[in-house]
Amino acid sequence: MEMSLITQLKILKLSKIKPNFSKLAREYEIDRRTVKKYYDGYEGKPAHRNKASKLDKHKQLIAQKLQIKGANVKAVYEFIVDEVDENIGTYSNFNKYV
C-alpha cells in the first residue's frame, strides 16, 4: 500500500472530512473497498502468527531424548514419528523447533 494514500487518509480523518473513496481508488488504481478499509484503520496482516506448534506437546520428550549421549535430532525425530505421533510435521520444521 502506498504511504501517500495512507498519509492522505490520515489527514482527511484528522480533519474530520469523509473522503471520496471512489475518487481515491481511481487515483491510486486500487479498489474503493480497499481504500475504505485503510481509512477505517487497517494496518495490514501481521508479520507473525501466534499459533501453537504441533511439537509443543512433545517438548519435554524431545528435550529428554536429546540429552541422551549420542542422540541426534534426526534420530529423535524418527523416534517420535515411529513411536509417539506420526503427525508432527516435517523434519525441517522439527529441526527448526529444536
Protein backbone atom coordinates (compact mmCIF):
# COMPACT_ATOMS: atom_id res chain seq x y z
CA MET A 1 0.00 0.00 0.00
CA GLU A 2 1.32 3.40 -0.89
CA MET A 3 2.32 5.54 2.05
CA SER A 4 0.99 8.64 0.31
CA LEU A 5 -2.52 7.17 0.31
CA ILE A 6 -2.29 6.24 3.97
CA THR A 7 -0.97 9.70 4.82
CA GLN A 8 -3.73 11.34 2.80
CA LEU A 9 -6.36 9.22 4.57
CA LYS A 10 -4.93 10.13 7.99
CA ILE A 11 -5.05 13.83 7.13
CA LEU A 12 -8.66 13.53 5.99
CA LYS A 13 -9.59 11.61 9.11
CA LEU A 14 -7.94 14.15 11.42
CA SER A 15 -9.72 16.94 9.55
CA LYS A 16 -12.98 15.02 10.05
CA ILE A 17 -13.61 15.03 6.31
CA LYS A 18 -15.10 11.90 4.79
CA PRO A 19 -13.09 11.09 1.65
CA ASN A 20 -14.49 10.16 -1.71
CA PHE A 21 -13.34 6.53 -1.72
CA SER A 22 -14.12 6.00 -5.40
CA LYS A 23 -12.07 9.02 -6.46
CA LEU A 24 -9.11 7.93 -4.34
CA ALA A 25 -9.42 4.39 -5.68
CA ARG A 26 -9.21 5.63 -9.27
CA GLU A 27 -6.29 7.87 -8.37
CA TYR A 28 -4.26 5.06 -6.79
CA GLU A 29 -5.62 2.31 -9.08
CA ILE A 30 -6.96 0.13 -6.28
CA ASP A 31 -10.44 -0.98 -5.21
CA ARG A 32 -12.59 1.54 -3.33
CA ARG A 33 -13.25 -1.03 -0.59
CA THR A 34 -9.51 -1.28 -0.01
CA VAL A 35 -9.31 2.50 0.39
CA LYS A 36 -12.16 2.40 2.91
CA LYS A 37 -10.53 -0.47 4.78
CA TYR A 38 -7.36 1.58 5.25
CA TYR A 39 -9.41 4.65 6.17
CA ASP A 40 -11.07 2.59 8.92
CA GLY A 41 -7.66 1.73 10.39
CA TYR A 42 -6.50 -1.49 8.73
CA GLU A 43 -2.71 -1.84 9.04
CA GLY A 44 -2.10 -4.99 7.03
CA LYS A 45 -1.62 -8.59 8.00
CA PRO A 46 0.62 -9.29 10.98
CA ALA A 47 4.11 -10.50 10.17
CA HIS A 48 3.88 -13.46 12.56
CA ARG A 49 1.01 -15.62 13.70
CA ASN A 50 0.79 -16.65 17.31
CA LYS A 51 -0.01 -20.26 16.67
CA ALA A 52 0.89 -23.22 18.84
CA SER A 53 3.27 -25.75 17.33
CA LYS A 54 2.36 -29.40 16.84
CA LEU A 55 5.58 -30.15 18.68
CA ASP A 56 4.72 -28.23 21.86
CA LYS A 57 3.02 -31.26 23.39
CA HIS A 58 6.23 -33.28 22.89
CA LYS A 59 8.65 -30.60 24.11
CA GLN A 60 9.63 -32.42 27.30
CA LEU A 61 10.14 -35.74 25.48
CA ILE A 62 12.28 -34.06 22.81
CA ALA A 63 14.48 -32.42 25.44
CA GLN A 64 14.78 -35.70 27.32
CA LYS A 65 15.78 -37.68 24.21
CA LEU A 66 18.29 -35.06 23.06
CA GLN A 67 20.12 -35.27 26.39
CA ILE A 68 20.92 -38.93 25.77
CA LYS A 69 24.57 -39.25 24.80
CA GLY A 70 24.93 -39.98 21.08
CA ALA A 71 21.37 -38.96 20.18
CA ASN A 72 20.93 -36.57 17.29
CA VAL A 73 17.99 -34.54 16.02
CA LYS A 74 17.21 -36.91 13.14
CA ALA A 75 17.09 -39.91 15.48
CA VAL A 76 14.76 -38.12 17.90
CA TYR A 77 12.52 -37.07 15.01
CA GLU A 78 12.35 -40.64 13.68
CA PHE A 79 11.61 -41.98 17.18
CA ILE A 80 8.71 -39.59 17.71
CA VAL A 81 7.26 -40.25 14.25
CA ASP A 82 7.53 -44.03 14.64
CA GLU A 83 6.63 -44.48 18.30
CA VAL A 84 4.64 -41.48 19.54
CA ASP A 85 2.92 -39.32 16.94
CA GLU A 86 3.25 -39.53 13.18
CA ASN A 87 1.54 -36.16 12.64
CA ILE A 88 4.26 -33.87 13.97
CA GLY A 89 5.16 -32.32 10.65
CA THR A 90 8.28 -32.40 8.54
CA TYR A 91 11.84 -32.97 9.64
CA SER A 92 12.89 -29.46 8.59
CA ASN A 93 10.26 -27.91 10.88
CA PHE A 94 11.28 -30.29 13.66
CA ASN A 95 14.91 -29.24 13.21
CA LYS A 96 13.95 -25.55 13.41
CA TYR A 97 11.89 -26.23 16.54
CA VAL A 98 14.82 -27.88 18.29
